């Protein structure tokens, strides 16, 4: 029974590590993007509301995001744990997640913080943009995203650090190296992992 939160800047490899960690811990990886898409595809009431914002190119408001996450965390496949990626993003969402978990009688076990040097991330994302032909991922845009992340996420890291939940892991290097660092940090915290 493992309840993880994965935090890290854009380009730190959270998506890749989330998939690997969910397999290692045998828990579902839950990202807000996946929740939105699943609800939209299934035509749920919340999904239809979310689609209105998404189709208009607007952010899905916190209140709706919170409802969608609450609904997802009440599904039976998360009884034995989960890995959250992309939520919470704000201090208000931390309070909401606390409330959701309190309702299920659970709490987070650990917050994995992937850290990476900004210049390295800019290099990594610029290279990816070039390979994928994404002209919108300029250095200025990438640095702005990193600034927004730092501004919005720093308070979350402080909240979870005060609770003694944060394990900091170097997010640079090969995918395998980063996975090994994360699983080593989790093992040191007594979090059971499947043999990889």
N, C-alpha and C. Protein backbone atom coordinates (compact mmCIF):
# COMPACT_ATOMS: atom_id res chain seq x y z
N UNK A 1 0.85 -1.19 0.00
CA UNK A 1 0.00 0.00 0.00
C UNK A 1 0.88 1.24 0.00
N UNK A 2 1.06 1.81 -1.17
CA UNK A 2 1.95 2.95 -1.31
C UNK A 2 1.20 4.10 -1.97
N UNK A 3 1.30 5.27 -1.34
CA UNK A 3 0.67 6.47 -1.92
C UNK A 3 1.75 7.51 -2.15
N UNK A 4 2.05 7.71 -3.44
CA UNK A 4 3.16 8.57 -3.83
C UNK A 4 2.69 9.80 -4.57
N UNK A 5 3.47 10.85 -4.44
CA UNK A 5 3.28 12.05 -5.25
C UNK A 5 4.61 12.32 -5.93
N UNK A 6 4.58 12.55 -7.25
CA UNK A 6 5.79 12.84 -8.02
C UNK A 6 5.75 14.30 -8.45
N UNK A 7 6.78 15.04 -8.05
CA UNK A 7 6.86 16.47 -8.39
C UNK A 7 8.20 16.71 -9.10
N UNK A 8 8.18 17.61 -10.06
CA UNK A 8 9.43 17.97 -10.72
C UNK A 8 9.15 18.96 -11.82
N UNK A 9 10.18 19.68 -12.25
CA UNK A 9 9.99 20.69 -13.29
C UNK A 9 9.66 20.06 -14.64
N UNK A 10 9.08 20.86 -15.56
CA UNK A 10 8.84 20.35 -16.90
C UNK A 10 10.16 19.88 -17.50
N UNK A 11 10.15 18.71 -18.13
CA UNK A 11 11.37 18.22 -18.76
C UNK A 11 12.24 17.38 -17.85
N UNK A 12 11.80 17.16 -16.60
CA UNK A 12 12.61 16.36 -15.67
C UNK A 12 12.34 14.87 -15.82
N UNK A 13 11.41 14.50 -16.71
CA UNK A 13 11.14 13.08 -16.95
C UNK A 13 10.09 12.47 -16.05
N UNK A 14 9.18 13.30 -15.52
CA UNK A 14 8.16 12.78 -14.59
C UNK A 14 7.28 11.71 -15.23
N UNK A 15 6.84 11.98 -16.47
CA UNK A 15 5.93 11.03 -17.13
C UNK A 15 6.55 9.65 -17.27
N UNK A 16 7.80 9.62 -17.72
CA UNK A 16 8.52 8.35 -17.90
C UNK A 16 8.70 7.65 -16.56
N UNK A 17 9.12 8.41 -15.54
CA UNK A 17 9.36 7.82 -14.23
C UNK A 17 8.05 7.38 -13.57
N UNK A 18 6.96 8.11 -13.83
CA UNK A 18 5.66 7.75 -13.24
C UNK A 18 5.25 6.36 -13.70
N UNK A 19 5.43 6.07 -14.99
CA UNK A 19 5.07 4.76 -15.53
C UNK A 19 5.90 3.67 -14.86
N UNK A 20 7.21 3.91 -14.77
CA UNK A 20 8.11 2.91 -14.17
C UNK A 20 7.81 2.71 -12.69
N UNK A 21 7.58 3.82 -11.98
CA UNK A 21 7.32 3.72 -10.54
C UNK A 21 6.00 3.03 -10.24
N UNK A 22 4.99 3.31 -11.06
CA UNK A 22 3.69 2.68 -10.81
C UNK A 22 3.82 1.16 -10.97
N UNK A 23 4.67 0.73 -11.92
CA UNK A 23 4.90 -0.71 -12.10
C UNK A 23 5.70 -1.28 -10.92
N UNK A 24 6.74 -0.54 -10.50
CA UNK A 24 7.59 -1.02 -9.40
C UNK A 24 6.81 -1.13 -8.09
N UNK A 25 5.85 -0.20 -7.89
CA UNK A 25 5.06 -0.19 -6.66
C UNK A 25 3.74 -0.93 -6.81
N UNK A 26 3.45 -1.35 -8.06
CA UNK A 26 2.20 -2.05 -8.36
C UNK A 26 0.97 -1.22 -7.97
N UNK A 27 1.00 0.06 -8.35
CA UNK A 27 -0.13 0.97 -8.10
C UNK A 27 -0.42 1.75 -9.39
N UNK A 28 -1.65 2.22 -9.57
CA UNK A 28 -1.95 2.99 -10.78
C UNK A 28 -1.29 4.37 -10.75
N UNK A 29 -0.77 4.78 -11.92
CA UNK A 29 -0.25 6.15 -12.07
C UNK A 29 -1.43 7.02 -12.47
N UNK A 30 -1.62 8.10 -11.76
CA UNK A 30 -2.76 8.98 -12.02
C UNK A 30 -2.26 10.37 -12.35
N UNK A 31 -2.53 10.82 -13.57
CA UNK A 31 -2.19 12.19 -13.93
C UNK A 31 -3.49 12.92 -14.24
N UNK A 32 -3.50 14.21 -13.97
CA UNK A 32 -4.73 14.98 -14.21
C UNK A 32 -5.09 14.92 -15.69
N UNK A 33 -4.09 14.94 -16.57
CA UNK A 33 -4.36 14.85 -18.01
C UNK A 33 -5.11 13.58 -18.35
N UNK A 34 -4.67 12.45 -17.78
CA UNK A 34 -5.35 11.16 -18.02
C UNK A 34 -6.77 11.18 -17.49
N UNK A 35 -6.94 11.78 -16.30
CA UNK A 35 -8.28 11.86 -15.70
C UNK A 35 -9.21 12.66 -16.61
N UNK A 36 -8.72 13.81 -17.08
CA UNK A 36 -9.54 14.64 -17.98
C UNK A 36 -9.94 13.84 -19.21
N UNK A 37 -8.94 13.23 -19.87
CA UNK A 37 -9.21 12.50 -21.12
C UNK A 37 -10.19 11.35 -20.89
N UNK A 38 -9.98 10.60 -19.81
CA UNK A 38 -10.85 9.46 -19.52
C UNK A 38 -12.30 9.89 -19.32
N UNK A 39 -12.50 10.97 -18.55
CA UNK A 39 -13.85 11.45 -18.29
C UNK A 39 -14.50 12.03 -19.54
N UNK A 40 -13.72 12.70 -20.37
CA UNK A 40 -14.24 13.26 -21.62
C UNK A 40 -14.66 12.10 -22.54
N UNK A 41 -13.77 11.10 -22.70
CA UNK A 41 -14.06 9.96 -23.58
C UNK A 41 -15.29 9.19 -23.12
N UNK A 42 -15.44 9.06 -21.79
CA UNK A 42 -16.56 8.30 -21.26
C UNK A 42 -17.83 9.14 -21.12
N UNK A 43 -17.73 10.42 -21.47
CA UNK A 43 -18.92 11.28 -21.46
C UNK A 43 -19.53 11.48 -20.09
N UNK A 44 -18.68 11.44 -19.03
CA UNK A 44 -19.23 11.65 -17.69
C UNK A 44 -19.66 13.11 -17.54
N UNK A 45 -20.47 13.36 -16.53
CA UNK A 45 -20.94 14.73 -16.30
C UNK A 45 -19.75 15.67 -16.07
N UNK A 46 -18.79 15.22 -15.25
CA UNK A 46 -17.59 16.04 -15.00
C UNK A 46 -16.77 16.19 -16.27
N UNK A 47 -16.70 15.11 -17.06
CA UNK A 47 -15.94 15.14 -18.31
C UNK A 47 -16.52 16.14 -19.31
N UNK A 48 -17.85 16.19 -19.38
CA UNK A 48 -18.50 17.13 -20.30
C UNK A 48 -18.21 18.57 -19.88
N UNK A 49 -18.20 18.81 -18.56
CA UNK A 49 -17.86 20.16 -18.06
C UNK A 49 -16.41 20.50 -18.40
N UNK A 50 -15.51 19.54 -18.16
CA UNK A 50 -14.08 19.77 -18.43
C UNK A 50 -13.86 20.04 -19.92
N UNK A 51 -14.58 19.29 -20.77
CA UNK A 51 -14.42 19.44 -22.22
C UNK A 51 -14.75 20.86 -22.67
N UNK A 52 -15.73 21.49 -22.04
CA UNK A 52 -16.11 22.86 -22.41
C UNK A 52 -14.91 23.80 -22.27
N UNK A 53 -14.17 23.64 -21.16
CA UNK A 53 -12.99 24.50 -20.93
C UNK A 53 -11.86 24.11 -21.89
N UNK A 54 -11.61 22.80 -22.01
CA UNK A 54 -10.51 22.33 -22.84
C UNK A 54 -10.72 22.72 -24.30
N UNK A 55 -11.95 22.58 -24.79
CA UNK A 55 -12.24 22.91 -26.19
C UNK A 55 -12.11 24.40 -26.46
N UNK A 56 -12.27 25.20 -25.41
CA UNK A 56 -12.13 26.65 -25.56
C UNK A 56 -10.69 27.09 -25.32
N UNK A 57 -9.79 26.10 -25.09
CA UNK A 57 -8.38 26.40 -24.86
C UNK A 57 -8.12 27.04 -23.51
N UNK A 58 -9.02 26.78 -22.55
CA UNK A 58 -8.87 27.36 -21.21
C UNK A 58 -8.44 26.29 -20.22
N UNK A 59 -7.84 26.75 -19.11
CA UNK A 59 -7.51 25.82 -18.03
C UNK A 59 -8.79 25.32 -17.38
N UNK A 60 -8.78 24.04 -17.01
CA UNK A 60 -9.90 23.50 -16.24
C UNK A 60 -9.78 24.10 -14.85
N UNK A 61 -10.84 24.75 -14.32
CA UNK A 61 -10.73 25.40 -13.01
C UNK A 61 -10.42 24.42 -11.88
N UNK A 62 -9.78 24.94 -10.83
CA UNK A 62 -9.42 24.12 -9.68
C UNK A 62 -10.59 23.31 -9.14
N UNK A 63 -11.75 23.96 -9.02
CA UNK A 63 -12.90 23.28 -8.40
C UNK A 63 -13.27 22.02 -9.19
N UNK A 64 -13.24 22.11 -10.52
CA UNK A 64 -13.58 20.97 -11.36
C UNK A 64 -12.46 19.93 -11.33
N UNK A 65 -11.21 20.40 -11.38
CA UNK A 65 -10.06 19.48 -11.28
C UNK A 65 -10.15 18.71 -9.96
N UNK A 66 -10.44 19.41 -8.88
CA UNK A 66 -10.55 18.76 -7.56
C UNK A 66 -11.64 17.69 -7.57
N UNK A 67 -12.79 18.00 -8.19
CA UNK A 67 -13.90 17.04 -8.26
C UNK A 67 -13.48 15.79 -9.05
N UNK A 68 -12.77 16.02 -10.15
CA UNK A 68 -12.33 14.89 -10.98
C UNK A 68 -11.33 14.02 -10.23
N UNK A 69 -10.39 14.65 -9.51
CA UNK A 69 -9.40 13.89 -8.74
C UNK A 69 -10.09 13.14 -7.60
N UNK A 70 -11.02 13.81 -6.94
CA UNK A 70 -11.77 13.16 -5.84
C UNK A 70 -12.48 11.91 -6.36
N UNK A 71 -13.13 12.05 -7.51
CA UNK A 71 -13.84 10.93 -8.11
C UNK A 71 -12.87 9.79 -8.43
N UNK A 72 -11.72 10.13 -9.02
CA UNK A 72 -10.73 9.10 -9.41
C UNK A 72 -10.16 8.40 -8.18
N UNK A 73 -9.89 9.15 -7.11
CA UNK A 73 -9.29 8.54 -5.90
C UNK A 73 -10.30 7.75 -5.07
N UNK A 74 -11.54 7.75 -5.50
CA UNK A 74 -12.56 6.92 -4.84
C UNK A 74 -12.86 5.65 -5.62
N UNK A 75 -12.11 5.43 -6.72
CA UNK A 75 -12.30 4.20 -7.50
C UNK A 75 -11.56 3.04 -6.82
N UNK A 76 -12.09 1.81 -6.97
CA UNK A 76 -11.54 0.68 -6.22
C UNK A 76 -10.08 0.34 -6.51
N UNK A 77 -9.57 0.67 -7.73
CA UNK A 77 -8.20 0.27 -8.05
C UNK A 77 -7.15 1.05 -7.27
N UNK A 78 -7.55 2.11 -6.54
CA UNK A 78 -6.57 2.86 -5.75
C UNK A 78 -6.59 2.47 -4.27
N UNK A 79 -7.38 1.47 -3.92
CA UNK A 79 -7.45 1.04 -2.52
C UNK A 79 -6.08 0.65 -1.98
N UNK A 80 -5.23 0.08 -2.84
CA UNK A 80 -3.91 -0.36 -2.40
C UNK A 80 -2.80 0.63 -2.71
N UNK A 81 -3.19 1.84 -3.11
CA UNK A 81 -2.19 2.87 -3.36
C UNK A 81 -2.33 3.50 -4.73
N UNK A 82 -1.50 4.52 -4.97
CA UNK A 82 -1.53 5.24 -6.23
C UNK A 82 -0.26 6.08 -6.35
N UNK A 83 -0.03 6.58 -7.56
CA UNK A 83 1.04 7.53 -7.80
C UNK A 83 0.41 8.73 -8.49
N UNK A 84 0.48 9.88 -7.87
CA UNK A 84 -0.08 11.10 -8.45
C UNK A 84 1.00 11.87 -9.19
N UNK A 85 0.67 12.31 -10.40
CA UNK A 85 1.60 13.09 -11.22
C UNK A 85 0.83 14.28 -11.79
N UNK A 86 1.23 15.49 -11.41
CA UNK A 86 0.55 16.68 -11.94
C UNK A 86 -0.52 17.25 -11.04
N UNK A 87 -0.71 16.64 -9.90
CA UNK A 87 -1.68 17.14 -8.92
C UNK A 87 -1.18 16.73 -7.55
N UNK A 88 -1.19 17.61 -6.57
CA UNK A 88 -1.62 19.01 -6.59
C UNK A 88 -0.56 19.93 -7.22
N UNK A 89 -1.03 21.06 -7.75
CA UNK A 89 -0.14 22.06 -8.33
C UNK A 89 -0.07 23.34 -7.50
N UNK A 90 -1.02 23.49 -6.58
CA UNK A 90 -1.09 24.72 -5.78
C UNK A 90 -1.30 24.35 -4.31
N UNK A 91 -1.05 25.30 -3.43
CA UNK A 91 -1.25 25.06 -1.99
C UNK A 91 -2.72 24.75 -1.71
N UNK A 92 -3.63 25.41 -2.44
CA UNK A 92 -5.07 25.14 -2.24
C UNK A 92 -5.39 23.69 -2.61
N UNK A 93 -4.72 23.18 -3.66
CA UNK A 93 -4.96 21.78 -4.06
C UNK A 93 -4.35 20.80 -3.06
N UNK A 94 -3.29 21.21 -2.37
CA UNK A 94 -2.73 20.36 -1.30
C UNK A 94 -3.79 20.16 -0.22
N UNK A 95 -4.44 21.26 0.17
CA UNK A 95 -5.49 21.19 1.19
C UNK A 95 -6.64 20.30 0.70
N UNK A 96 -6.98 20.42 -0.57
CA UNK A 96 -8.05 19.60 -1.15
C UNK A 96 -7.67 18.12 -1.14
N UNK A 97 -6.41 17.82 -1.51
CA UNK A 97 -5.95 16.43 -1.51
C UNK A 97 -5.97 15.87 -0.09
N UNK A 98 -5.54 16.68 0.88
CA UNK A 98 -5.61 16.25 2.29
C UNK A 98 -7.03 15.85 2.66
N UNK A 99 -7.99 16.66 2.22
CA UNK A 99 -9.40 16.41 2.53
C UNK A 99 -9.89 15.13 1.84
N UNK A 100 -9.50 14.96 0.56
CA UNK A 100 -9.90 13.75 -0.18
C UNK A 100 -9.36 12.51 0.52
N UNK A 101 -8.07 12.55 0.89
CA UNK A 101 -7.44 11.39 1.52
C UNK A 101 -8.00 11.13 2.91
N UNK A 102 -8.29 12.21 3.64
CA UNK A 102 -8.88 12.04 4.98
C UNK A 102 -10.21 11.30 4.87
N UNK A 103 -10.95 11.58 3.80
CA UNK A 103 -12.24 10.92 3.57
C UNK A 103 -12.10 9.43 3.31
N UNK A 104 -10.93 9.01 2.82
CA UNK A 104 -10.71 7.58 2.55
C UNK A 104 -9.91 6.92 3.68
N UNK A 105 -9.50 7.74 4.66
CA UNK A 105 -8.72 7.21 5.77
C UNK A 105 -7.26 6.97 5.43
N UNK A 106 -6.77 7.62 4.38
CA UNK A 106 -5.38 7.43 3.95
C UNK A 106 -4.62 8.76 3.98
N UNK A 107 -3.31 8.66 3.81
CA UNK A 107 -2.48 9.85 3.65
C UNK A 107 -1.31 9.50 2.74
N UNK A 108 -0.63 10.52 2.24
CA UNK A 108 0.53 10.28 1.38
C UNK A 108 1.65 9.64 2.18
N UNK A 109 2.39 8.72 1.54
CA UNK A 109 3.54 8.09 2.18
C UNK A 109 4.82 8.86 1.89
N UNK A 110 4.92 9.35 0.66
CA UNK A 110 6.17 10.01 0.26
C UNK A 110 5.92 10.92 -0.94
N UNK A 111 6.71 12.00 -1.00
CA UNK A 111 6.69 12.91 -2.14
C UNK A 111 8.07 12.83 -2.77
N UNK A 112 8.13 12.33 -4.02
CA UNK A 112 9.40 12.23 -4.74
C UNK A 112 9.58 13.52 -5.53
N UNK A 113 10.63 14.26 -5.19
CA UNK A 113 10.94 15.51 -5.86
C UNK A 113 12.11 15.29 -6.80
N UNK A 114 11.83 15.33 -8.11
CA UNK A 114 12.90 15.24 -9.11
C UNK A 114 13.51 16.62 -9.27
N UNK A 115 14.80 16.73 -9.07
CA UNK A 115 15.47 18.02 -9.23
C UNK A 115 16.38 17.96 -10.45
N UNK A 116 16.45 19.09 -11.14
CA UNK A 116 17.29 19.15 -12.33
C UNK A 116 17.70 20.59 -12.57
N UNK A 117 18.94 20.77 -12.97
CA UNK A 117 19.47 22.10 -13.26
C UNK A 117 18.70 22.73 -14.42
N UNK A 118 18.30 23.99 -14.25
CA UNK A 118 17.48 24.67 -15.27
C UNK A 118 18.15 24.69 -16.64
N UNK A 119 19.46 24.97 -16.68
CA UNK A 119 20.15 25.02 -17.97
C UNK A 119 20.12 23.66 -18.66
N UNK A 120 20.26 22.59 -17.87
CA UNK A 120 20.21 21.23 -18.44
C UNK A 120 18.82 20.94 -18.99
N UNK A 121 17.79 21.38 -18.25
CA UNK A 121 16.41 21.17 -18.72
C UNK A 121 16.16 21.93 -20.02
N UNK A 122 16.65 23.16 -20.08
CA UNK A 122 16.48 23.95 -21.30
C UNK A 122 17.13 23.22 -22.47
N UNK A 123 18.35 22.69 -22.25
CA UNK A 123 19.04 21.93 -23.31
C UNK A 123 18.22 20.71 -23.72
N UNK A 124 17.72 19.98 -22.72
CA UNK A 124 16.96 18.74 -22.98
C UNK A 124 15.68 19.05 -23.76
N UNK A 125 14.93 20.06 -23.31
CA UNK A 125 13.66 20.38 -23.96
C UNK A 125 13.87 21.02 -25.33
N UNK A 126 14.93 21.80 -25.48
CA UNK A 126 15.23 22.41 -26.78
C UNK A 126 15.57 21.32 -27.79
N UNK A 127 16.33 20.31 -27.34
CA UNK A 127 16.69 19.19 -28.21
C UNK A 127 15.43 18.42 -28.60
N UNK A 128 14.57 18.17 -27.61
CA UNK A 128 13.32 17.44 -27.88
C UNK A 128 12.44 18.22 -28.86
N UNK A 129 12.38 19.54 -28.68
CA UNK A 129 11.56 20.38 -29.57
C UNK A 129 12.07 20.29 -31.01
N UNK A 130 13.39 20.27 -31.15
CA UNK A 130 14.01 20.17 -32.46
C UNK A 130 13.67 18.82 -33.11
N UNK A 131 13.82 17.75 -32.31
CA UNK A 131 13.55 16.39 -32.81
C UNK A 131 12.09 16.22 -33.20
N UNK A 132 11.19 16.86 -32.44
CA UNK A 132 9.75 16.70 -32.69
C UNK A 132 9.17 17.82 -33.55
N UNK A 133 10.05 18.72 -33.99
CA UNK A 133 9.58 19.81 -34.84
C UNK A 133 8.63 20.76 -34.14
N UNK A 134 8.86 20.98 -32.84
CA UNK A 134 7.98 21.86 -32.07
C UNK A 134 8.61 23.25 -31.96
N UNK A 135 8.18 24.12 -32.85
CA UNK A 135 8.79 25.45 -32.90
C UNK A 135 8.34 26.34 -31.73
N UNK A 136 7.27 25.91 -31.03
CA UNK A 136 6.78 26.73 -29.91
C UNK A 136 7.64 26.59 -28.67
N UNK A 137 8.44 25.52 -28.60
CA UNK A 137 9.29 25.30 -27.41
C UNK A 137 10.61 26.04 -27.56
N UNK A 138 10.57 27.36 -27.55
CA UNK A 138 11.79 28.16 -27.62
C UNK A 138 12.41 28.22 -26.23
N UNK A 139 13.65 28.68 -26.17
CA UNK A 139 14.32 28.79 -24.87
C UNK A 139 13.53 29.72 -23.94
N UNK A 140 13.01 30.83 -24.47
CA UNK A 140 12.24 31.78 -23.65
C UNK A 140 10.99 31.11 -23.07
N UNK A 141 10.29 30.35 -23.91
CA UNK A 141 9.07 29.67 -23.46
C UNK A 141 9.41 28.64 -22.39
N UNK A 142 10.46 27.88 -22.62
CA UNK A 142 10.87 26.85 -21.65
C UNK A 142 11.25 27.50 -20.32
N UNK A 143 12.03 28.58 -20.39
CA UNK A 143 12.44 29.25 -19.14
C UNK A 143 11.23 29.83 -18.41
N UNK A 144 10.25 30.33 -19.16
CA UNK A 144 9.02 30.85 -18.53
C UNK A 144 8.29 29.71 -17.80
N UNK A 145 8.19 28.55 -18.46
CA UNK A 145 7.53 27.40 -17.83
C UNK A 145 8.26 26.99 -16.54
N UNK A 146 9.58 27.07 -16.58
CA UNK A 146 10.37 26.73 -15.39
C UNK A 146 10.14 27.75 -14.27
N UNK A 147 10.02 29.02 -14.65
CA UNK A 147 9.75 30.08 -13.66
C UNK A 147 8.38 29.87 -13.01
N UNK A 148 7.39 29.55 -13.84
CA UNK A 148 6.03 29.31 -13.33
C UNK A 148 6.04 28.11 -12.38
N UNK A 149 6.74 27.05 -12.79
CA UNK A 149 6.86 25.87 -11.94
C UNK A 149 7.47 26.24 -10.59
N UNK A 150 8.59 26.98 -10.63
CA UNK A 150 9.29 27.36 -9.40
C UNK A 150 8.38 28.17 -8.49
N UNK A 151 7.65 29.10 -9.09
CA UNK A 151 6.77 29.98 -8.33
C UNK A 151 5.60 29.22 -7.70
N UNK A 152 4.98 28.33 -8.51
CA UNK A 152 3.79 27.63 -8.03
C UNK A 152 4.10 26.42 -7.16
N UNK A 153 5.22 25.77 -7.45
CA UNK A 153 5.49 24.49 -6.79
C UNK A 153 6.34 24.62 -5.54
N UNK A 154 7.14 25.68 -5.46
CA UNK A 154 7.98 25.87 -4.26
C UNK A 154 7.16 25.80 -2.97
N UNK A 155 5.98 26.44 -2.90
CA UNK A 155 5.19 26.35 -1.67
C UNK A 155 4.77 24.90 -1.34
N UNK A 156 4.49 24.08 -2.38
CA UNK A 156 4.11 22.69 -2.15
C UNK A 156 5.26 21.92 -1.53
N UNK A 157 6.46 22.15 -2.08
CA UNK A 157 7.63 21.44 -1.58
C UNK A 157 7.85 21.79 -0.11
N UNK A 158 7.65 23.05 0.22
CA UNK A 158 7.82 23.49 1.61
C UNK A 158 6.79 22.81 2.52
N UNK A 159 5.53 22.76 2.08
CA UNK A 159 4.47 22.13 2.87
C UNK A 159 4.82 20.67 3.15
N UNK A 160 5.19 19.94 2.08
CA UNK A 160 5.46 18.51 2.24
C UNK A 160 6.80 18.26 2.95
N UNK A 161 7.75 19.16 2.79
CA UNK A 161 9.02 19.03 3.53
C UNK A 161 8.77 19.16 5.02
N UNK A 162 7.90 20.12 5.39
CA UNK A 162 7.57 20.32 6.81
C UNK A 162 6.93 19.07 7.41
N UNK A 163 6.28 18.27 6.57
CA UNK A 163 5.65 17.03 7.04
C UNK A 163 6.63 15.85 6.99
N UNK A 164 7.85 16.11 6.52
CA UNK A 164 8.85 15.05 6.45
C UNK A 164 8.61 14.03 5.35
N UNK A 165 7.90 14.43 4.29
CA UNK A 165 7.53 13.48 3.24
C UNK A 165 8.42 13.52 2.01
N UNK A 166 9.24 14.56 1.86
CA UNK A 166 9.96 14.76 0.60
C UNK A 166 11.27 13.96 0.55
N UNK A 167 11.44 13.21 -0.55
CA UNK A 167 12.75 12.64 -0.88
C UNK A 167 13.18 13.29 -2.19
N UNK A 168 14.37 13.86 -2.16
CA UNK A 168 14.89 14.60 -3.32
C UNK A 168 15.78 13.68 -4.13
N UNK A 169 15.51 13.63 -5.44
CA UNK A 169 16.26 12.73 -6.32
C UNK A 169 16.75 13.52 -7.53
N UNK A 170 18.02 13.31 -7.89
CA UNK A 170 18.59 13.95 -9.07
C UNK A 170 17.89 13.39 -10.31
N UNK A 171 17.24 14.28 -11.08
CA UNK A 171 16.48 13.85 -12.25
C UNK A 171 17.28 13.82 -13.53
N UNK A 172 18.58 14.12 -13.46
CA UNK A 172 19.41 14.12 -14.67
C UNK A 172 20.16 12.80 -14.80
N UNK A 173 20.46 12.44 -16.04
CA UNK A 173 21.14 11.18 -16.31
C UNK A 173 20.23 10.28 -17.12
N UNK A 174 20.64 9.03 -17.30
CA UNK A 174 19.83 8.11 -18.09
C UNK A 174 18.55 7.78 -17.33
N UNK A 175 17.54 7.36 -18.09
CA UNK A 175 16.25 6.99 -17.48
C UNK A 175 16.46 5.90 -16.43
N UNK A 176 17.29 4.90 -16.76
CA UNK A 176 17.55 3.80 -15.82
C UNK A 176 18.23 4.30 -14.55
N UNK A 177 19.18 5.23 -14.70
CA UNK A 177 19.89 5.77 -13.53
C UNK A 177 18.91 6.50 -12.60
N UNK A 178 18.04 7.31 -13.20
CA UNK A 178 17.08 8.08 -12.39
C UNK A 178 16.12 7.12 -11.69
N UNK A 179 15.65 6.11 -12.41
CA UNK A 179 14.75 5.11 -11.80
C UNK A 179 15.45 4.43 -10.62
N UNK A 180 16.71 4.08 -10.82
CA UNK A 180 17.46 3.40 -9.74
C UNK A 180 17.60 4.32 -8.53
N UNK A 181 17.85 5.62 -8.77
CA UNK A 181 17.95 6.57 -7.65
C UNK A 181 16.63 6.67 -6.89
N UNK A 182 15.52 6.74 -7.64
CA UNK A 182 14.21 6.87 -7.00
C UNK A 182 13.90 5.62 -6.19
N UNK A 183 14.07 4.45 -6.80
CA UNK A 183 13.73 3.21 -6.09
C UNK A 183 14.62 3.02 -4.87
N UNK A 184 15.90 3.45 -4.99
CA UNK A 184 16.80 3.39 -3.83
C UNK A 184 16.31 4.28 -2.70
N UNK A 185 15.85 5.49 -3.06
CA UNK A 185 15.35 6.43 -2.05
C UNK A 185 14.08 5.90 -1.40
N UNK A 186 13.21 5.27 -2.20
CA UNK A 186 11.97 4.72 -1.65
C UNK A 186 12.27 3.53 -0.74
N UNK A 187 13.20 2.69 -1.19
CA UNK A 187 13.60 1.52 -0.39
C UNK A 187 14.13 1.97 0.97
N UNK A 188 14.92 3.06 0.95
CA UNK A 188 15.48 3.59 2.21
C UNK A 188 14.38 4.10 3.13
N UNK A 189 13.23 4.47 2.54
CA UNK A 189 12.08 4.93 3.35
C UNK A 189 11.18 3.76 3.77
N UNK A 190 11.58 2.55 3.39
CA UNK A 190 10.80 1.37 3.77
C UNK A 190 9.58 1.15 2.90
N UNK A 191 9.61 1.70 1.67
CA UNK A 191 8.48 1.52 0.76
C UNK A 191 8.75 0.29 -0.10
N UNK A 192 7.83 -0.66 -0.02
CA UNK A 192 8.00 -1.93 -0.71
C UNK A 192 7.88 -1.77 -2.22
N UNK A 193 8.84 -2.35 -2.93
CA UNK A 193 8.83 -2.31 -4.38
C UNK A 193 8.86 -3.75 -4.91
N UNK A 194 8.26 -3.94 -6.08
CA UNK A 194 8.37 -5.24 -6.73
C UNK A 194 9.78 -5.36 -7.27
N UNK A 195 10.29 -6.57 -7.37
CA UNK A 195 11.63 -6.76 -7.93
C UNK A 195 11.60 -6.27 -9.37
N UNK A 196 12.55 -5.40 -9.72
CA UNK A 196 12.53 -4.89 -11.10
C UNK A 196 13.50 -5.64 -11.97
